[in-house]
Amino acid sequence: MKRGTSRDIRTANRYEVLRQIIASSPTSRQELAAATGLSLATVATLVGELLDLRMITEVGFEDSAGGRPRGLVAVNASGGALIGVDIAETYVHVELFDLALNVLARAEEDMRPGESLPEQVVSHVAAAAGSVVAQAGIEAARVLGVGVSVPGQVDRDTGISEYAPNWDWHDVPLLDLLSEHIAYPLYLDNPLRACAVAELWFGAVRGHGDAVVVNLGTGVGAGLVLGGGLHRGVSNSAGEWGHTTLVLDGRLCRCGNHGCVEAYVGALGIMQNLRELSPQSALLHPGDQTATIDALAAGVAAKEPVALKVVRDTARYLGAGIAVLVNLLNPEVVVLSSWVAARLGEPLLEEVREAVARHALKRPLAANRIVLSPIPTDPVSLGAATFALEGALQSVGQRSVKRPPAARSRTAQSS
């Protein structure tokens, strides 16, 4: 892995200062220095740069005890726009944000079963991205970048989807394909990192140094926040907890191994749990993950016995897997995120908490909370938009942006 250069460090500091301003607007330079641990002089310089970029604005003064009034700055929400793209197995969801990360427009494209060729996925992304810009009625020049989240293992530097087991993608040059249809700077990562950053900025991880964000969707994984920052691992592959072995010689997983966590608690695994319990259940919608999970959620609300048993069994598997994360990483908080967690909600959460308590060691468990994601919008799109923001901050002073250098060079670790 490359060593951090002075430019990397400056980008990371600029990004952290802007993150604090977005979280705490309006705020003073003194408060920013205290929150970031940077010197007041460094903060003043970075604030000056962000003012020059029109990403923030001066908004007056506040009294200080016995001293000069402190100047306040706030994010300039209209100073630019960001697009976050959530590519999932059954849909492409795109949101357009202002610089305060408020949603300005949304678009979603359904992907039918088997519609997984890279060119087909790219077409959906391009259509949805065009739709949100048109809905918001903003000038193209205001769009600072597009963050793209795709499941599986990705190379951020080259924009390549290295391995997506849900579609059997290998080394797909996704950003190059997208650049043929989208003129904005493009930045690639995966939903584990996107959800973790969204929770760190706006959700249940805010203010915590060590956390795990468990993604429960078609795929399963864990975004890791360690020491207050996003943990990527040496090859940007950290968090593939969904492909750790939960049951020896268990079900075949889409990755080719047997007994993976994902095979029991991902949407397809939950469908299999239901199929094994009640093959003829009206709750089961073969070939339709969303309809099946929605039916289970409705069944749980109605106290339907089969639905209750399926969610309880799923929580047993999930709780055993999360207990390993609690024992191994000793996080302050574990967040259940993504669409399966959102749909099954509190009933799943309660069962998971009980299951984790049966398996985790008492000391790390006592320091931990397990919660549902509080983010009201799509956390993957929100997190993906922050990758575009990070890339835009890195490209300051690098004005050859036709094909964004940030999408082809290692950006500083997200905070």
Protein backbone atom coordinates (compact mmCIF):
# COMPACT_ATOMS: atom_id res chain seq x y z
CA MET A 1 0.00 0.00 0.00
CA LYS A 2 1.28 3.48 -0.80
CA ARG A 3 2.57 5.67 1.97
CA GLY A 4 0.52 8.75 2.74
CA THR A 5 1.90 11.80 0.95
CA SER A 6 1.58 15.37 2.19
CA ARG A 7 -1.20 15.80 -0.38
CA ASP A 8 -3.00 12.74 1.04
CA ILE A 9 -2.73 14.17 4.55
CA ARG A 10 -3.95 17.58 3.43
CA THR A 11 -6.91 15.99 1.62
CA ALA A 12 -7.78 13.94 4.71
CA ASN A 13 -7.61 17.04 6.92
CA ARG A 14 -9.69 19.10 4.48
CA TYR A 15 -12.24 16.30 4.32
CA GLU A 16 -12.40 15.99 8.13
CA VAL A 17 -12.86 19.73 8.61
CA LEU A 18 -15.67 19.81 6.05
CA ARG A 19 -17.27 16.76 7.67
CA GLN A 20 -17.29 18.53 11.03
CA ILE A 21 -18.75 21.68 9.47
CA ILE A 22 -21.53 19.68 7.80
CA ALA A 23 -22.27 17.93 11.10
CA SER A 24 -22.16 21.05 13.29
CA SER A 25 -23.09 24.10 11.18
CA PRO A 26 -22.66 26.81 12.19
CA THR A 27 -19.38 26.34 13.98
CA SER A 28 -16.22 28.28 14.78
CA ARG A 29 -12.63 27.61 13.84
CA GLN A 30 -11.85 27.04 17.52
CA GLU A 31 -14.57 24.38 17.77
CA LEU A 32 -13.29 22.74 14.59
CA ALA A 33 -9.76 22.59 16.00
CA ALA A 34 -11.06 20.95 19.17
CA ALA A 35 -13.19 18.45 17.24
CA THR A 36 -10.50 17.44 14.74
CA GLY A 37 -7.39 17.63 16.89
CA LEU A 38 -5.75 19.91 14.31
CA SER A 39 -4.00 23.14 15.25
CA LEU A 40 -5.99 26.36 15.01
CA ALA A 41 -3.58 27.62 12.34
CA THR A 42 -4.11 24.49 10.21
CA VAL A 43 -7.87 24.74 10.61
CA ALA A 44 -7.81 28.42 9.64
CA THR A 45 -5.89 27.57 6.46
CA LEU A 46 -8.25 24.72 5.54
CA VAL A 47 -11.32 26.85 6.25
CA GLY A 48 -9.85 29.49 3.94
CA GLU A 49 -9.50 26.92 1.17
CA LEU A 50 -13.08 25.73 1.63
CA LEU A 51 -14.31 29.33 1.57
CA ASP A 52 -12.42 29.90 -1.69
CA LEU A 53 -14.09 26.79 -3.12
CA ARG A 54 -17.50 28.15 -2.00
CA MET A 55 -18.18 24.91 -0.17
CA ILE A 56 -18.68 26.85 3.07
CA THR A 57 -19.63 30.42 3.93
CA GLU A 58 -19.15 32.93 6.75
CA VAL A 59 -22.37 33.32 8.76
CA GLY A 60 -21.57 35.86 11.49
CA PHE A 61 -20.04 35.76 14.95
CA GLU A 62 -20.59 34.33 18.40
CA ASP A 63 -19.49 35.84 21.68
CA SER A 64 -16.58 34.24 23.48
CA ALA A 65 -15.89 34.56 27.18
CA GLY A 66 -13.85 37.74 27.57
CA GLY A 67 -12.32 37.60 24.10
CA ARG A 68 -12.94 38.70 20.54
CA PRO A 69 -16.14 37.41 18.93
CA ARG A 70 -15.53 34.15 17.06
CA GLY A 71 -16.34 33.99 13.37
CA LEU A 72 -18.79 31.24 12.43
CA VAL A 73 -18.80 29.19 9.25
CA ALA A 74 -21.46 26.90 7.80
CA VAL A 75 -21.72 24.59 4.85
CA ASN A 76 -22.82 26.33 1.64
CA ALA A 77 -25.50 23.82 0.65
CA SER A 78 -25.94 25.34 -2.81
CA GLY A 79 -22.20 25.39 -3.48
CA GLY A 80 -22.31 22.11 -5.39
CA ALA A 81 -24.13 18.82 -5.82
CA LEU A 82 -23.15 15.17 -5.36
CA ILE A 83 -24.63 11.98 -6.77
CA GLY A 84 -24.66 8.70 -4.84
CA VAL A 85 -25.32 5.44 -6.71
CA ASP A 86 -26.41 2.23 -4.98
CA ILE A 87 -26.09 -0.72 -7.37
CA ALA A 88 -27.78 -3.76 -5.88
CA GLU A 89 -28.81 -7.10 -7.35
CA THR A 90 -32.46 -6.15 -7.86
CA TYR A 91 -32.29 -2.37 -8.35
CA VAL A 92 -30.18 0.69 -9.02
CA HIS A 93 -31.01 3.51 -6.61
CA VAL A 94 -29.58 7.00 -7.22
CA GLU A 95 -29.87 10.12 -5.08
CA LEU A 96 -28.67 13.66 -5.72
CA PHE A 97 -27.52 15.69 -2.70
CA ASP A 98 -26.56 19.27 -1.98
CA LEU A 99 -23.31 19.93 -0.10
CA ALA A 100 -25.09 19.59 3.24
CA LEU A 101 -25.95 16.04 2.11
CA ASN A 102 -29.66 16.83 1.90
CA VAL A 103 -31.49 14.78 -0.74
CA LEU A 104 -32.62 16.88 -3.71
CA ALA A 105 -33.87 14.10 -5.99
CA ARG A 106 -34.20 10.32 -6.19
CA ALA A 107 -34.53 7.79 -8.99
CA GLU A 108 -34.68 4.02 -9.05
CA GLU A 109 -34.38 1.48 -11.84
CA ASP A 110 -35.53 -2.10 -11.31
CA MET A 111 -33.25 -4.86 -12.56
CA ARG A 112 -35.00 -8.03 -13.62
CA PRO A 113 -33.53 -11.47 -12.82
CA GLY A 114 -30.70 -12.24 -15.23
CA GLU A 115 -30.27 -8.58 -16.15
CA SER A 116 -26.72 -8.45 -14.89
CA LEU A 117 -24.42 -7.86 -17.85
CA PRO A 118 -22.17 -4.87 -17.11
CA GLU A 119 -23.62 -2.97 -20.06
CA GLN A 120 -27.14 -3.47 -18.73
CA VAL A 121 -26.21 -2.29 -15.25
CA VAL A 122 -24.40 0.74 -16.69
CA SER A 123 -27.46 1.64 -18.73
CA HIS A 124 -29.62 1.67 -15.59
CA VAL A 125 -27.10 3.80 -13.68
CA ALA A 126 -26.83 6.33 -16.53
CA ALA A 127 -30.62 6.60 -16.82
CA ALA A 128 -31.12 7.12 -13.09
CA ALA A 129 -28.25 9.63 -12.82
CA GLY A 130 -29.68 11.63 -15.70
CA SER A 131 -33.10 11.53 -14.06
CA VAL A 132 -32.00 13.03 -10.72
CA VAL A 133 -30.15 15.89 -12.40
CA ALA A 134 -33.21 16.65 -14.53
CA GLN A 135 -35.57 16.42 -11.54
CA ALA A 136 -33.49 18.85 -9.50
CA GLY A 137 -33.08 21.21 -12.45
CA ILE A 138 -29.46 21.95 -11.63
CA GLU A 139 -26.69 22.90 -14.01
CA ALA A 140 -24.31 20.08 -14.88
CA ALA A 141 -21.36 22.22 -13.76
CA ARG A 142 -22.64 22.12 -10.18
CA VAL A 143 -22.24 18.33 -9.96
CA LEU A 144 -18.88 17.74 -8.29
CA GLY A 145 -18.87 13.99 -8.76
CA VAL A 146 -20.66 10.66 -8.69
CA GLY A 147 -19.92 8.03 -6.04
CA VAL A 148 -20.75 4.51 -7.19
CA SER A 149 -21.27 1.58 -4.83
CA VAL A 150 -21.20 -1.92 -6.32
CA PRO A 151 -21.32 -5.16 -4.30
CA GLY A 152 -18.21 -7.28 -3.99
CA GLN A 153 -14.54 -6.47 -4.11
CA VAL A 154 -13.47 -3.31 -5.90
CA ASP A 155 -10.25 -1.53 -6.79
CA ARG A 156 -10.79 2.14 -5.97
CA ASP A 157 -7.63 3.19 -7.79
CA THR A 158 -8.51 1.69 -11.16
CA GLY A 159 -12.30 1.80 -10.96
CA ILE A 160 -12.52 -1.96 -11.51
CA SER A 161 -15.11 -4.29 -10.01
CA GLU A 162 -12.71 -7.13 -9.29
CA TYR A 163 -15.22 -9.71 -8.10
CA ALA A 164 -18.98 -9.54 -7.68
CA PRO A 165 -20.18 -13.05 -6.80
CA ASN A 166 -23.85 -12.17 -7.23
CA TRP A 167 -23.27 -11.61 -10.97
CA ASP A 168 -20.06 -13.62 -11.45
CA TRP A 169 -18.25 -10.43 -12.46
CA HIS A 170 -14.48 -10.63 -12.68
CA ASP A 171 -12.31 -7.55 -13.37
CA VAL A 172 -15.10 -5.46 -14.92
CA PRO A 173 -13.81 -1.92 -15.76
CA LEU A 174 -16.98 -0.38 -14.36
CA LEU A 175 -15.91 3.26 -14.18
CA ASP A 176 -14.55 3.18 -17.72
CA LEU A 177 -17.89 1.81 -18.92
CA LEU A 178 -19.81 4.43 -16.94
CA SER A 179 -17.61 7.25 -18.21
CA GLU A 180 -18.92 6.58 -21.72
CA HIS A 181 -22.37 7.71 -20.51
CA ILE A 182 -21.69 9.99 -17.52
CA ALA A 183 -19.54 13.10 -17.87
CA TYR A 184 -19.03 13.79 -14.17
CA PRO A 185 -16.03 12.60 -12.11
CA LEU A 186 -16.62 9.02 -10.92
CA TYR A 187 -15.50 7.27 -7.72
CA LEU A 188 -15.97 3.58 -6.95
CA ASP A 189 -16.33 1.60 -3.72
CA ASN A 190 -18.67 -0.99 -2.23
CA PRO A 191 -21.74 -0.86 0.05
CA LEU A 192 -19.87 -2.00 3.15
CA ARG A 193 -17.75 1.14 3.13
CA ALA A 194 -20.62 3.33 1.93
CA CYS A 195 -22.92 2.32 4.81
CA ALA A 196 -20.14 2.64 7.37
CA VAL A 197 -19.32 6.19 6.25
CA ALA A 198 -23.00 7.16 6.20
CA GLU A 199 -23.40 5.96 9.78
CA LEU A 200 -20.17 7.69 10.80
CA TRP A 201 -21.30 11.03 9.36
CA PHE A 202 -25.01 11.02 10.13
CA GLY A 203 -26.10 7.84 11.88
CA ALA A 204 -25.60 5.58 14.87
CA VAL A 205 -21.78 5.59 14.66
CA ARG A 206 -21.42 9.36 14.94
CA GLY A 207 -19.29 10.15 17.98
CA HIS A 208 -18.01 6.58 18.33
CA GLY A 209 -14.49 5.37 17.64
CA ASP A 210 -15.11 1.66 17.09
CA ALA A 211 -18.19 0.25 15.37
CA VAL A 212 -19.45 -2.39 12.97
CA VAL A 213 -22.14 -1.69 10.39
CA VAL A 214 -23.74 -4.97 9.34
CA ASN A 215 -25.24 -4.85 5.86
CA LEU A 216 -28.20 -7.16 5.44
CA GLY A 217 -29.41 -7.32 1.86
CA THR A 218 -29.07 -9.83 -0.92
CA GLY A 219 -25.43 -9.87 0.10
CA VAL A 220 -24.10 -9.58 3.64
CA GLY A 221 -21.00 -7.88 4.98
CA ALA A 222 -19.64 -5.64 7.73
CA GLY A 223 -18.37 -2.10 7.35
CA LEU A 224 -15.70 -1.45 9.98
CA VAL A 225 -15.00 1.79 11.82
CA LEU A 226 -11.86 1.43 13.93
CA GLY A 227 -10.11 4.20 15.81
CA GLY A 228 -12.61 6.76 14.53
CA GLY A 229 -11.99 6.08 10.84
CA LEU A 230 -13.11 3.74 8.09
CA HIS A 231 -11.04 0.56 8.02
CA ARG A 232 -10.42 -0.71 4.48
CA GLY A 233 -7.68 -3.29 4.91
CA VAL A 234 -4.54 -3.55 2.82
CA SER A 235 -6.39 -4.31 -0.43
CA ASN A 236 -9.70 -2.51 0.30
CA SER A 237 -11.26 -5.90 1.11
CA ALA A 238 -11.94 -5.60 4.84
CA GLY A 239 -15.43 -6.50 6.01
CA GLU A 240 -16.18 -9.61 3.95
CA TRP A 241 -17.68 -11.14 7.07
CA GLY A 242 -20.59 -12.51 5.04
CA HIS A 243 -18.20 -15.03 3.52
CA THR A 244 -16.83 -16.37 6.78
CA THR A 245 -17.89 -19.89 7.75
CA LEU A 246 -20.86 -20.11 10.09
CA VAL A 247 -21.88 -23.76 9.53
CA LEU A 248 -19.24 -26.38 8.67
CA ASP A 249 -20.20 -28.21 5.45
CA GLY A 250 -23.34 -26.07 5.33
CA ARG A 251 -25.27 -24.57 2.45
CA LEU A 252 -23.53 -23.69 -0.79
CA CYS A 253 -22.87 -19.96 -0.94
CA ARG A 254 -22.72 -17.90 -4.11
CA CYS A 255 -18.99 -17.38 -3.49
CA GLY A 256 -18.47 -21.13 -4.00
CA ASN A 257 -17.80 -22.03 -0.38
CA HIS A 258 -20.13 -23.81 2.01
CA GLY A 259 -21.74 -22.57 5.22
CA CYS A 260 -21.09 -18.82 4.82
CA VAL A 261 -22.94 -16.30 6.99
CA GLU A 262 -24.58 -14.88 3.86
CA ALA A 263 -26.11 -18.25 2.98
CA TYR A 264 -28.20 -18.09 6.17
CA VAL A 265 -28.96 -14.40 6.78
CA GLY A 266 -28.89 -12.73 3.35
CA ALA A 267 -32.22 -12.34 1.54
CA LEU A 268 -31.71 -15.57 -0.40
CA GLY A 269 -30.66 -17.37 2.79
CA ILE A 270 -33.80 -16.16 4.58
CA MET A 271 -35.88 -17.44 1.67
CA GLN A 272 -34.18 -20.82 2.09
CA ASN A 273 -34.91 -20.74 5.84
CA LEU A 274 -38.58 -20.25 4.96
CA ARG A 275 -38.52 -22.90 2.25
CA GLU A 276 -37.05 -25.50 4.61
CA LEU A 277 -39.57 -24.70 7.33
CA SER A 278 -42.70 -24.44 5.17
CA PRO A 279 -42.16 -25.24 1.46
CA GLN A 280 -45.74 -24.36 0.52
CA SER A 281 -46.00 -21.18 2.60
CA ALA A 282 -47.90 -18.30 1.02
CA LEU A 283 -45.15 -16.06 2.41
CA LEU A 284 -42.68 -17.49 -0.08
CA HIS A 285 -42.47 -15.70 -3.43
CA PRO A 286 -40.00 -17.76 -5.49
CA GLY A 287 -37.63 -15.58 -7.46
CA ASP A 288 -38.69 -12.39 -5.66
CA GLN A 289 -36.56 -11.50 -2.65
CA THR A 290 -38.28 -8.22 -1.92
CA ALA A 291 -41.80 -9.67 -1.96
CA THR A 292 -40.74 -12.54 0.32
CA ILE A 293 -39.06 -10.29 2.90
CA ASP A 294 -42.03 -7.90 2.80
CA ALA A 295 -44.40 -10.85 3.35
CA LEU A 296 -42.33 -12.04 6.30
CA ALA A 297 -42.38 -8.57 7.83
CA ALA A 298 -46.16 -8.40 7.47
CA GLY A 299 -46.46 -11.92 8.86
CA VAL A 300 -44.42 -11.04 11.93
CA ALA A 301 -46.58 -7.97 12.53
CA ALA A 302 -49.66 -10.23 12.35
CA LYS A 303 -48.04 -12.80 14.71
CA GLU A 304 -48.14 -15.45 11.97
CA PRO A 305 -46.32 -18.51 13.43
CA VAL A 306 -44.24 -19.42 10.38
CA ALA A 307 -43.06 -15.84 9.91
CA LEU A 308 -42.13 -15.57 13.59
CA LYS A 309 -40.18 -18.84 13.43
CA VAL A 310 -38.28 -17.83 10.27
CA VAL A 311 -37.22 -14.48 11.76
CA ARG A 312 -36.23 -16.19 15.02
CA ASP A 313 -34.16 -18.81 13.17
CA THR A 314 -32.54 -16.14 11.01
CA ALA A 315 -31.71 -14.12 14.12
CA ARG A 316 -30.07 -17.16 15.71
CA TYR A 317 -27.65 -17.44 12.79
CA LEU A 318 -27.14 -13.69 12.62
CA GLY A 319 -26.60 -13.41 16.37
CA ALA A 320 -23.93 -16.11 16.34
CA GLY A 321 -22.11 -14.28 13.54
CA ILE A 322 -22.37 -10.89 15.22
CA ALA A 323 -21.11 -12.36 18.51
CA VAL A 324 -17.87 -13.20 16.71
CA LEU A 325 -17.54 -9.56 15.63
CA VAL A 326 -18.26 -8.38 19.18
CA ASN A 327 -15.66 -10.72 20.65
CA LEU A 328 -13.07 -10.00 17.96
CA LEU A 329 -13.37 -6.22 17.53
CA ASN A 330 -14.91 -5.08 20.84
CA PRO A 331 -16.98 -2.33 19.14
CA GLU A 332 -19.04 0.26 20.97
CA VAL A 333 -21.96 -0.20 18.60
CA VAL A 334 -23.17 -2.69 15.99
CA VAL A 335 -25.62 -1.24 13.45
CA LEU A 336 -28.02 -3.37 11.43
CA SER A 337 -28.33 -1.67 8.05
CA SER A 338 -29.59 -2.10 4.49
CA TRP A 339 -32.99 -3.10 3.18
CA VAL A 340 -33.53 -6.48 4.86
CA ALA A 341 -32.78 -5.00 8.30
CA ALA A 342 -35.03 -2.02 7.56
CA ARG A 343 -37.98 -4.21 6.52
CA LEU A 344 -37.74 -6.75 9.36
CA GLY A 345 -36.99 -3.97 11.84
CA GLU A 346 -37.51 -4.20 15.60
CA PRO A 347 -38.66 -7.85 15.71
CA LEU A 348 -35.39 -8.93 14.09
CA LEU A 349 -33.37 -6.59 16.30
CA GLU A 350 -34.87 -7.98 19.52
CA GLU A 351 -34.17 -11.57 18.48
CA VAL A 352 -30.62 -10.70 17.41
CA ARG A 353 -29.87 -9.03 20.73
CA GLU A 354 -30.98 -12.16 22.57
CA ALA A 355 -28.93 -14.41 20.30
CA VAL A 356 -25.79 -12.28 20.63
CA ALA A 357 -26.16 -12.33 24.42
CA ARG A 358 -26.08 -16.15 24.31
CA HIS A 359 -22.83 -16.29 22.33
CA ALA A 360 -20.72 -13.20 23.07
CA LEU A 361 -18.31 -12.88 25.97
CA LYS A 362 -19.70 -10.81 28.82
CA ARG A 363 -17.05 -8.09 28.91
CA PRO A 364 -17.16 -7.02 25.22
CA LEU A 365 -20.95 -7.50 25.20
CA ALA A 366 -21.38 -5.16 28.18
CA ALA A 367 -19.61 -2.37 26.27
CA ASN A 368 -21.69 -2.87 23.13
CA ARG A 369 -25.07 -1.71 21.81
CA ILE A 370 -26.88 -3.27 18.84
CA VAL A 371 -29.20 -0.87 16.99
CA LEU A 372 -31.03 -0.41 13.72
CA SER A 373 -29.73 2.22 11.33
CA PRO A 374 -31.51 5.54 12.01
CA ILE A 375 -30.70 6.99 8.57
CA PRO A 376 -34.01 7.84 6.87
CA THR A 377 -32.68 7.77 3.31
CA ASP A 378 -30.75 5.06 1.47
CA PRO A 379 -27.49 4.76 3.46
CA VAL A 380 -25.56 3.33 0.53
CA SER A 381 -26.37 6.28 -1.74
CA LEU A 382 -25.54 8.69 1.08
CA GLY A 383 -22.20 7.04 1.75
CA ALA A 384 -21.39 6.85 -1.97
CA ALA A 385 -21.98 10.60 -2.23
CA THR A 386 -19.36 11.18 0.46
CA PHE A 387 -16.83 9.32 -1.71
CA ALA A 388 -17.55 11.81 -4.48
CA LEU A 389 -17.09 14.63 -1.98
CA GLU A 390 -13.76 13.17 -0.88
CA GLY A 391 -12.66 12.93 -4.50
CA ALA A 392 -13.68 16.51 -5.19
CA LEU A 393 -11.61 17.68 -2.23
CA GLN A 394 -8.61 15.69 -3.42
CA SER A 395 -8.82 17.20 -6.88
CA VAL A 396 -8.42 20.75 -5.51
CA GLY A 397 -5.48 22.17 -7.37
CA GLN A 398 -5.64 19.37 -9.95
CA ARG A 399 -7.68 20.97 -12.70
CA SER A 400 -7.29 18.37 -15.46
CA VAL A 401 -10.61 16.81 -14.54
CA LYS A 402 -12.05 15.49 -17.81
CA ARG A 403 -11.37 11.94 -16.57
CA PRO A 404 -11.04 12.46 -12.83
CA PRO A 405 -7.59 11.73 -11.42
CA ALA A 406 -9.14 10.93 -8.05
CA ALA A 407 -10.88 7.95 -9.59
CA ARG A 408 -7.52 6.67 -10.72
CA SER A 409 -5.38 7.45 -7.68
CA ARG A 410 -5.58 6.39 -4.07
CA THR A 411 -7.56 8.85 -1.99
CA ALA A 412 -6.87 9.44 1.66
CA GLN A 413 -8.61 7.15 4.10
CA SER A 414 -12.13 8.38 4.77
CA SER A 415 -12.71 9.60 8.25
